[in-house]
Amino acid sequence: MSRASLASVAFGLLPLTLCAADPTFWKDVQPVLQSRCVECHRPGEIGPMPLTSYKEARPWAASIKEAVKTRKMPPWFADPHFGKFSNDRSLSEAEIATLTTWAEKGAKEGDIKDAPPARKFNDGWNIDKPDLILQMPQPFKVAAKAKVDYQYIVLPTGFTEDKWVRMSETRPSDRAVVHHMVVFARDPRSQWLREAKPGVPFVPAEPGSLVNIGGGGNEIIAVYTPGIVPDIWKPNQARLIKAGSDLVLQVHYTSTGKDTEDQTKVGLVFAKEPPTERIFSTQVSNTRFVIPPGEANYEVKTATRFPNNVKLISFFPHMHLRGKDYEYKAVFPTGEQQILLKVPNYDFNWQLAYRPSPELELPAGTRIETIAHFDNSANNPANPDPKATVKFGEQSWEEMAIGFMDIAIPANVDPRVYLRPAPPAPPARPAAGQ
């Protein structure tokens, strides 16, 4: 079941207030699976088992029942009391009842003639057929047990003109070892990682520096985390890759106990018409925290202010193994405050994007505040070491408190100028004679 699914597509779903008394797979269950699950639970995707047919799903009936009753699947962690999201894949009570009743009453197949039309996917991709595919020239070997610094792989684009990207997808060949990946578009004027040879995995002299973790100030084009759904923007929206830019893959590999290798590829679909809105990734972060040993509810705050109007189209909170909860709040120029997203139970293994519906129009002067809590106690089963003092760092046993946001701004403006804080007003001159 998917992680940050596209807007749900109905495939002949039962009315949400009803549940068949004796549901069958093809008539009742398959529509739910097609709408909510097969995006990831199909051959070649991250789901550990395909669920595209009765033969595939029947052995997992009991597991499906348990996963949906506990709301473990589909993974979705936003508090429903704050905001609505276009990619909310949480199941309705009727959908949960359909799946659980089906399992409890023998998981009957029914008549295949009752099946909805099969959901169609582009073979090998979740986006349209890419206009350009860039791949690591050689696989990167990940040892069974090893600490792996972030790897940086430069992939030249060869662009001789600016390109507007409307869809992008990052596909590792071994998802099990790719904890996450950020794809940057290195500006042709940027000197970041110029010592790296194209196509050759590279570790900078200061691998954990903020400059390198942040991409040297270059623009984010795509983010990969396990189960993530690729970026597909509206027809009038796109990201910009300037002529002469290189893509730089920043990859966090994690050993899984067996030797393996990965050879990631990136697919891009270009906009057919010049967009009116430019998609740009920004963030609020705090790197100066120190979490004491055994602390069960350590708080970290961050904030930023938008000097001009922006349209906020996606949230992506990022923490590590001690992450407990995360909240985004807007403070408007009027002084009014609104919680935009609350994630009360952060899950390091399912780092989701949340896309507000409708997109949030924020006036100039809006301040975004975030509050994160960390559990460094022995009661946190994911905690690598409750006795450790924890600081900011790139490895999973260190921590991060970053609130990524995708925003849409006018396509004809430079985002770094548009988002630059206004200089403080000069002090007022004393009136004549004072």
Protein backbone atom coordinates (compact mmCIF):
# COMPACT_ATOMS: atom_id res chain seq x y z
CA MET A 1 0.00 0.00 0.00
CA SER A 2 1.36 3.34 -1.02
CA ARG A 3 3.15 5.95 1.00
CA ALA A 4 2.22 9.32 -0.41
CA SER A 5 -0.32 8.30 -3.02
CA LEU A 6 -1.64 10.31 -5.90
CA ALA A 7 -5.13 11.64 -5.52
CA SER A 8 -7.34 8.63 -4.95
CA VAL A 9 -9.06 7.27 -8.03
CA ALA A 10 -12.39 5.55 -7.56
CA PHE A 11 -12.77 2.26 -9.37
CA GLY A 12 -16.43 1.47 -8.82
CA LEU A 13 -16.15 1.70 -5.03
CA LEU A 14 -19.16 0.82 -2.95
CA PRO A 15 -20.90 3.79 -1.35
CA LEU A 16 -18.75 4.71 1.61
CA THR A 17 -21.62 4.26 4.04
CA LEU A 18 -22.27 0.66 3.04
CA CYS A 19 -20.52 -2.68 3.37
CA ALA A 20 -21.73 -5.87 1.71
CA ALA A 21 -22.92 -8.48 4.21
CA ASP A 22 -20.88 -11.19 2.50
CA PRO A 23 -18.28 -9.43 0.35
CA THR A 24 -16.40 -11.17 -2.45
CA PHE A 25 -13.00 -10.35 -3.80
CA TRP A 26 -13.81 -9.26 -7.33
CA LYS A 27 -16.94 -7.26 -6.55
CA ASP A 28 -16.09 -5.66 -3.21
CA VAL A 29 -12.44 -6.07 -2.23
CA GLN A 30 -10.61 -5.50 -5.51
CA PRO A 31 -12.02 -1.96 -5.97
CA VAL A 32 -10.56 -0.98 -2.58
CA LEU A 33 -7.20 -2.60 -3.32
CA GLN A 34 -6.99 -0.92 -6.72
CA SER A 35 -7.78 2.49 -5.29
CA ARG A 36 -5.58 2.30 -2.20
CA CYS A 37 -2.98 -0.44 -2.42
CA VAL A 38 -1.77 -1.69 -5.80
CA GLU A 39 0.19 1.48 -6.45
CA CYS A 40 2.86 -0.13 -4.28
CA HIS A 41 1.59 -3.72 -4.04
CA ARG A 42 2.29 -4.81 -7.61
CA PRO A 43 5.26 -6.43 -9.32
CA GLY A 44 8.37 -4.26 -9.35
CA GLU A 45 7.19 -1.86 -6.64
CA ILE A 46 8.03 -1.57 -2.96
CA GLY A 47 5.11 -3.56 -1.53
CA PRO A 48 6.45 -6.92 -0.25
CA MET A 49 3.64 -8.81 -1.99
CA PRO A 50 1.47 -8.01 -5.04
CA LEU A 51 -2.28 -7.66 -4.48
CA THR A 52 -3.51 -7.33 -8.05
CA SER A 53 -5.52 -10.58 -8.21
CA TYR A 54 -7.44 -13.00 -6.01
CA LYS A 55 -4.67 -15.57 -6.26
CA GLU A 56 -2.16 -13.02 -4.97
CA ALA A 57 -4.35 -11.52 -2.23
CA ARG A 58 -6.07 -14.62 -0.80
CA PRO A 59 -3.05 -15.93 1.19
CA TRP A 60 -2.76 -12.52 2.88
CA ALA A 61 -6.41 -12.12 3.89
CA ALA A 62 -5.74 -12.36 7.63
CA SER A 63 -2.75 -10.01 7.39
CA ILE A 64 -4.77 -7.51 5.39
CA LYS A 65 -7.49 -7.60 8.04
CA GLU A 66 -5.02 -6.93 10.86
CA ALA A 67 -3.19 -4.19 8.94
CA VAL A 68 -6.32 -2.20 8.11
CA LYS A 69 -8.02 -2.65 11.50
CA THR A 70 -4.96 -1.23 13.26
CA ARG A 71 -4.57 1.38 10.49
CA LYS A 72 -1.01 0.25 9.97
CA MET A 73 -1.85 0.17 6.27
CA PRO A 74 -2.15 2.18 4.19
CA PRO A 75 0.45 4.32 6.02
CA TRP A 76 -0.95 7.77 6.81
CA PHE A 77 -0.09 9.76 9.93
CA ALA A 78 -1.77 13.16 9.65
CA ASP A 79 -4.13 14.06 12.49
CA PRO A 80 -7.55 14.31 10.74
CA HIS A 81 -8.52 17.27 12.94
CA PHE A 82 -6.06 19.58 11.17
CA GLY A 83 -6.22 20.15 7.45
CA LYS A 84 -7.38 18.11 4.47
CA PHE A 85 -4.95 16.50 2.03
CA SER A 86 -5.38 15.47 -1.57
CA ASN A 87 -3.15 12.42 -1.12
CA ASP A 88 -4.85 11.15 2.06
CA ARG A 89 -4.98 7.42 1.56
CA SER A 90 -6.45 6.50 4.91
CA LEU A 91 -9.33 4.04 4.56
CA SER A 92 -12.92 4.90 5.36
CA GLU A 93 -14.77 2.87 7.97
CA ALA A 94 -16.75 1.24 5.16
CA GLU A 95 -13.58 0.23 3.31
CA ILE A 96 -12.10 -1.21 6.50
CA ALA A 97 -15.33 -3.10 7.14
CA THR A 98 -15.30 -4.51 3.61
CA LEU A 99 -11.76 -5.87 3.93
CA THR A 100 -12.17 -7.25 7.44
CA THR A 101 -15.58 -8.84 6.76
CA TRP A 102 -14.20 -10.46 3.62
CA ALA A 103 -11.36 -12.02 5.61
CA GLU A 104 -13.65 -13.12 8.45
CA LYS A 105 -16.16 -14.79 6.12
CA GLY A 106 -13.72 -16.99 4.28
CA ALA A 107 -12.19 -14.57 1.78
CA LYS A 108 -14.48 -15.65 -1.07
CA GLU A 109 -13.45 -15.03 -4.66
CA GLY A 110 -16.81 -14.33 -6.28
CA ASP A 111 -17.29 -13.86 -10.01
CA ILE A 112 -14.44 -12.28 -11.95
CA LYS A 113 -17.06 -10.68 -14.20
CA ASP A 114 -17.77 -8.34 -11.27
CA ALA A 115 -14.18 -7.03 -11.29
CA PRO A 116 -13.57 -3.34 -12.00
CA PRO A 117 -11.37 -2.43 -14.97
CA ALA A 118 -7.74 -3.13 -14.11
CA ARG A 119 -5.86 -0.03 -13.08
CA LYS A 120 -3.23 0.74 -15.72
CA PHE A 121 0.35 1.71 -14.92
CA ASN A 122 3.21 2.71 -17.17
CA ASP A 123 5.52 -0.31 -17.13
CA GLY A 124 8.51 0.40 -14.91
CA TRP A 125 7.38 3.92 -13.98
CA ASN A 126 4.68 5.65 -11.97
CA ILE A 127 4.93 8.76 -14.16
CA ASP A 128 4.33 9.15 -17.90
CA LYS A 129 7.01 7.69 -20.15
CA PRO A 130 10.07 9.80 -19.28
CA ASP A 131 11.46 12.23 -21.83
CA LEU A 132 14.88 11.67 -20.24
CA ILE A 133 16.30 8.88 -18.10
CA LEU A 134 19.61 9.37 -16.26
CA GLN A 135 21.19 6.43 -14.45
CA MET A 136 24.23 5.83 -12.30
CA PRO A 137 26.80 4.41 -14.77
CA GLN A 138 27.93 1.70 -12.33
CA PRO A 139 26.24 -0.03 -9.39
CA PHE A 140 27.24 1.08 -5.90
CA LYS A 141 28.15 -1.83 -3.64
CA VAL A 142 26.69 -1.84 -0.12
CA ALA A 143 28.39 -4.23 2.29
CA ALA A 144 26.33 -6.41 4.63
CA LYS A 145 27.51 -4.48 7.68
CA ALA A 146 29.02 -1.06 7.17
CA LYS A 147 28.61 2.61 8.02
CA VAL A 148 28.12 4.33 4.69
CA ASP A 149 28.63 8.08 4.41
CA TYR A 150 26.25 9.94 2.14
CA GLN A 151 27.26 9.24 -1.44
CA TYR A 152 27.14 11.96 -4.11
CA ILE A 153 26.85 10.95 -7.76
CA VAL A 154 27.02 13.65 -10.45
CA LEU A 155 24.93 12.94 -13.56
CA PRO A 156 25.46 15.51 -16.36
CA THR A 157 22.23 16.43 -18.14
CA GLY A 158 23.77 17.85 -21.29
CA PHE A 159 21.00 20.48 -21.37
CA THR A 160 21.75 23.30 -23.79
CA GLU A 161 18.54 25.10 -22.86
CA ASP A 162 16.44 25.52 -19.75
CA LYS A 163 14.07 22.63 -19.05
CA TRP A 164 10.80 22.75 -17.10
CA VAL A 165 10.13 19.43 -15.37
CA ARG A 166 6.49 18.55 -14.68
CA MET A 167 7.03 14.96 -13.50
CA SER A 168 10.01 13.22 -11.91
CA GLU A 169 10.64 9.82 -10.43
CA THR A 170 13.68 8.30 -8.70
CA ARG A 171 13.96 4.50 -8.85
CA PRO A 172 16.70 2.64 -6.95
CA SER A 173 17.42 -0.87 -8.22
CA ASP A 174 17.56 -2.10 -4.60
CA ARG A 175 15.14 -0.11 -2.47
CA ALA A 176 16.03 -2.09 0.64
CA VAL A 177 19.35 -0.29 1.08
CA VAL A 178 18.30 3.23 0.02
CA HIS A 179 17.09 4.96 3.15
CA HIS A 180 16.48 8.19 1.26
CA MET A 181 17.79 10.22 -1.64
CA VAL A 182 17.71 13.87 -2.65
CA VAL A 183 18.25 14.90 -6.26
CA PHE A 184 19.71 18.39 -6.69
CA ALA A 185 20.09 20.40 -9.89
CA ARG A 186 23.59 21.84 -9.64
CA ASP A 187 23.61 25.30 -11.16
CA PRO A 188 26.32 25.70 -13.84
CA ARG A 189 27.75 28.57 -11.77
CA SER A 190 27.92 26.52 -8.56
CA GLN A 191 31.31 25.25 -7.38
CA TRP A 192 29.73 22.63 -5.14
CA LEU A 193 31.44 19.21 -5.52
CA ARG A 194 33.33 20.21 -8.66
CA GLU A 195 36.09 17.83 -7.52
CA ALA A 196 33.71 14.87 -8.00
CA LYS A 197 34.06 12.93 -11.23
CA PRO A 198 30.81 12.50 -13.16
CA GLY A 199 29.17 9.16 -12.51
CA VAL A 200 31.58 8.13 -9.74
CA PRO A 201 30.23 7.91 -6.17
CA PHE A 202 31.96 10.59 -4.11
CA VAL A 203 32.31 11.42 -0.42
CA PRO A 204 33.28 15.05 0.34
CA ALA A 205 36.08 15.90 2.73
CA GLU A 206 33.43 17.01 5.24
CA PRO A 207 30.64 14.50 4.57
CA GLY A 208 28.35 15.69 7.34
CA SER A 209 28.71 19.43 6.77
CA LEU A 210 25.56 21.51 6.44
CA VAL A 211 26.73 22.78 3.06
CA ASN A 212 26.86 19.27 1.63
CA ILE A 213 23.72 17.99 3.34
CA GLY A 214 21.91 21.05 2.01
CA GLY A 215 23.12 20.57 -1.54
CA GLY A 216 25.49 23.50 -1.61
CA GLY A 217 22.56 25.87 -1.92
CA ASN A 218 21.34 24.22 -5.12
CA GLU A 219 17.74 23.46 -5.95
CA ILE A 220 15.97 20.20 -5.08
CA ILE A 221 14.42 18.43 -8.06
CA ALA A 222 13.16 15.22 -6.43
CA VAL A 223 13.19 13.33 -3.13
CA TYR A 224 13.05 9.56 -2.67
CA THR A 225 12.01 7.71 0.46
CA PRO A 226 10.65 4.13 0.62
CA GLY A 227 7.19 3.95 -0.91
CA ILE A 228 7.10 7.57 -1.99
CA VAL A 229 4.88 8.52 -4.90
CA PRO A 230 6.70 10.60 -7.53
CA ASP A 231 6.05 14.28 -8.15
CA ILE A 232 3.37 14.99 -10.75
CA TRP A 233 2.49 18.67 -10.85
CA LYS A 234 -0.47 20.42 -12.40
CA PRO A 235 -0.16 21.31 -16.12
CA ASN A 236 0.69 24.92 -15.23
CA GLN A 237 3.33 23.93 -12.62
CA ALA A 238 6.92 22.71 -13.05
CA ARG A 239 10.42 22.77 -11.61
CA LEU A 240 13.22 24.50 -13.49
CA ILE A 241 16.54 22.91 -14.46
CA LYS A 242 18.79 25.51 -16.02
CA ALA A 243 20.85 24.89 -19.14
CA GLY A 244 24.26 23.44 -18.27
CA SER A 245 23.09 22.01 -14.94
CA ASP A 246 24.08 18.60 -13.59
CA LEU A 247 21.91 16.40 -11.43
CA VAL A 248 23.58 15.41 -8.15
CA LEU A 249 22.20 12.37 -6.33
CA GLN A 250 22.70 12.55 -2.57
CA VAL A 251 22.12 8.97 -1.42
CA HIS A 252 21.83 7.66 2.12
CA TYR A 253 22.60 3.94 1.93
CA THR A 254 21.97 1.69 4.92
CA SER A 255 23.32 -1.85 5.32
CA THR A 256 20.72 -4.59 5.67
CA GLY A 257 22.84 -7.59 6.70
CA LYS A 258 23.65 -8.86 3.23
CA ASP A 259 25.95 -7.70 0.46
CA THR A 260 24.09 -5.99 -2.35
CA GLU A 261 24.35 -3.14 -4.85
CA ASP A 262 22.21 -0.34 -6.19
CA GLN A 263 22.08 1.44 -9.54
CA THR A 264 19.52 4.24 -9.28
CA LYS A 265 17.89 5.90 -12.27
CA VAL A 266 15.95 9.15 -12.52
CA GLY A 267 13.16 9.80 -15.02
CA LEU A 268 12.04 13.29 -16.07
CA VAL A 269 8.95 14.39 -17.99
CA PHE A 270 9.16 17.90 -19.40
CA ALA A 271 6.31 20.41 -19.43
CA LYS A 272 4.62 20.72 -22.80
CA GLU A 273 3.98 24.45 -22.32
CA PRO A 274 5.83 27.09 -20.27
CA PRO A 275 4.36 26.98 -16.75
CA THR A 276 2.82 29.92 -14.93
CA GLU A 277 3.94 28.60 -11.52
CA ARG A 278 7.39 27.46 -10.50
CA ILE A 279 7.67 24.72 -7.90
CA PHE A 280 10.42 25.36 -5.40
CA SER A 281 11.46 23.42 -2.28
CA THR A 282 12.27 25.30 0.87
CA GLN A 283 12.66 24.30 4.49
CA VAL A 284 12.79 25.28 8.14
CA SER A 285 15.43 23.55 10.20
CA ASN A 286 17.24 23.56 13.52
CA THR A 287 20.73 22.10 13.75
CA ARG A 288 21.77 23.30 17.20
CA PHE A 289 19.76 21.01 19.45
CA VAL A 290 21.29 18.64 22.01
CA ILE A 291 18.99 15.82 23.17
CA PRO A 292 20.01 14.56 26.64
CA PRO A 293 20.25 10.83 27.39
CA GLY A 294 16.93 9.30 28.40
CA GLU A 295 14.88 12.41 27.50
CA ALA A 296 11.41 11.21 26.42
CA ASN A 297 9.91 14.42 25.05
CA TYR A 298 12.65 16.78 23.89
CA GLU A 299 11.27 19.78 21.97
CA VAL A 300 12.84 21.44 18.93
CA LYS A 301 11.32 24.53 17.31
CA THR A 302 11.98 26.16 13.95
CA ALA A 303 10.47 29.10 12.07
CA THR A 304 10.64 31.03 8.81
CA ARG A 305 8.75 33.94 7.27
CA PHE A 306 7.63 34.35 3.67
CA PRO A 307 8.22 37.96 2.55
CA ASN A 308 5.91 37.57 -0.48
CA ASN A 309 2.75 35.65 -1.34
CA VAL A 310 3.29 31.92 -1.82
CA LYS A 311 1.12 28.91 -2.49
CA LEU A 312 2.05 26.06 -0.16
CA ILE A 313 1.49 22.73 -1.92
CA SER A 314 3.32 20.08 0.11
CA PHE A 315 4.74 19.34 3.57
CA PHE A 316 7.49 16.80 4.23
CA PRO A 317 8.62 16.54 7.89
CA HIS A 318 11.97 14.80 8.34
CA MET A 319 13.35 13.25 11.53
CA HIS A 320 15.26 10.09 12.40
CA LEU A 321 14.79 7.15 14.76
CA ARG A 322 14.00 9.24 17.83
CA GLY A 323 11.40 11.33 16.02
CA LYS A 324 8.11 11.37 17.96
CA ASP A 325 5.78 14.01 16.49
CA TYR A 326 5.87 17.01 14.18
CA GLU A 327 3.64 20.05 13.66
CA TYR A 328 3.46 22.92 11.14
CA LYS A 329 1.66 26.11 12.15
CA ALA A 330 0.99 29.33 10.24
CA VAL A 331 1.00 32.71 11.96
CA PHE A 332 -0.65 35.18 9.61
CA PRO A 333 0.12 38.91 9.42
CA THR A 334 -3.18 39.55 11.20
CA GLY A 335 -1.90 37.57 14.19
CA GLU A 336 -4.30 34.69 13.53
CA GLN A 337 -2.77 31.25 13.98
CA GLN A 338 -3.65 27.96 12.29
CA ILE A 339 -2.23 24.44 12.62
CA LEU A 340 -1.64 23.28 9.04
CA LEU A 341 -0.40 19.74 9.73
CA LYS A 342 0.02 17.67 12.85
CA VAL A 343 1.76 14.28 12.74
CA PRO A 344 1.20 12.87 16.24
CA ASN A 345 2.98 9.56 15.63
CA TYR A 346 5.97 10.07 13.37
CA ASP A 347 7.27 6.89 11.73
CA PHE A 348 10.87 6.90 10.54
CA ASN A 349 10.14 3.99 8.18
CA TRP A 350 7.31 5.81 6.38
CA GLN A 351 8.31 9.41 5.79
CA LEU A 352 5.37 10.89 3.96
CA ALA A 353 4.59 13.98 1.97
CA TYR A 354 1.29 15.71 2.78
CA ARG A 355 -0.38 17.77 0.06
CA PRO A 356 -3.02 20.20 1.39
CA SER A 357 -6.31 20.43 -0.48
CA PRO A 358 -6.91 23.04 -1.58
CA GLU A 359 -3.38 24.38 -1.89
CA LEU A 360 -2.73 26.98 0.79
CA GLU A 361 -2.55 30.60 -0.34
CA LEU A 362 -0.29 32.33 2.19
CA PRO A 363 -0.13 36.13 2.18
CA ALA A 364 3.13 38.04 2.38
CA GLY A 365 4.43 38.13 5.93
CA THR A 366 3.10 34.73 6.94
CA ARG A 367 5.33 32.99 9.46
CA ILE A 368 5.64 29.19 9.45
CA GLU A 369 6.52 27.63 12.79
CA THR A 370 7.27 23.97 13.45
CA ILE A 371 7.44 22.03 16.69
CA ALA A 372 9.09 18.59 16.84
CA HIS A 373 9.48 16.21 19.77
CA PHE A 374 12.03 13.43 20.17
CA ASP A 375 11.99 10.34 22.38
CA ASN A 376 15.50 9.40 23.47
CA SER A 377 14.27 7.13 26.25
CA ALA A 378 14.46 3.36 26.63
CA ASN A 379 10.69 3.25 26.01
CA ASN A 380 11.31 4.09 22.34
CA PRO A 381 11.82 0.65 20.69
CA ALA A 382 13.57 2.26 17.70
CA ASN A 383 16.08 4.14 19.86
CA PRO A 384 19.62 3.00 18.98
CA ASP A 385 21.08 4.12 22.33
CA PRO A 386 19.05 5.76 25.14
CA LYS A 387 22.32 6.62 26.91
CA ALA A 388 23.61 8.75 24.05
CA THR A 389 23.60 12.52 23.84
CA VAL A 390 22.13 13.18 20.40
CA LYS A 391 22.97 16.03 18.05
CA PHE A 392 22.27 16.93 14.44
CA GLY A 393 23.87 14.57 11.92
CA GLU A 394 23.34 12.68 8.68
CA GLN A 395 23.30 9.15 10.07
CA SER A 396 20.13 7.48 11.34
CA TRP A 397 21.47 7.23 14.91
CA GLU A 398 21.93 11.01 14.88
CA GLU A 399 18.95 13.34 14.44
CA MET A 400 17.42 15.96 12.18
CA ALA A 401 14.54 18.37 12.62
CA ILE A 402 13.72 19.63 9.13
CA GLY A 403 10.37 20.78 7.84
CA PHE A 404 10.52 20.65 4.06
CA MET A 405 7.88 22.53 2.07
CA ASP A 406 7.12 22.71 -1.64
CA ILE A 407 5.74 26.05 -2.68
CA ALA A 408 4.47 27.50 -5.95
CA ILE A 409 5.54 31.01 -6.94
CA PRO A 410 5.26 32.98 -10.20
CA ALA A 411 7.35 31.25 -12.86
CA ASN A 412 9.04 34.47 -13.92
CA VAL A 413 10.67 35.29 -10.56
CA ASP A 414 13.95 34.14 -9.02
CA PRO A 415 12.95 32.20 -5.89
CA ARG A 416 16.06 33.19 -3.98
CA VAL A 417 15.20 36.85 -4.48
CA TYR A 418 11.46 36.33 -4.01
CA LEU A 419 12.01 34.51 -0.71
CA ARG A 420 14.81 36.76 0.57
CA PRO A 421 13.85 38.43 3.86
CA ALA A 422 13.26 42.14 3.53
CA PRO A 423 16.02 44.26 5.13
CA PRO A 424 15.08 45.88 8.42
CA ALA A 425 13.62 49.34 8.09
CA PRO A 426 16.11 52.13 8.91
CA PRO A 427 15.50 53.94 12.20
CA ALA A 428 13.22 56.94 11.90
CA ARG A 429 15.00 60.27 11.74
CA PRO A 430 14.21 62.67 14.56
CA ALA A 431 11.93 65.52 13.56
CA ALA A 432 13.53 68.90 12.95
CA GLY A 433 14.28 70.71 16.11
CA GLN A 434 14.43 67.57 18.27
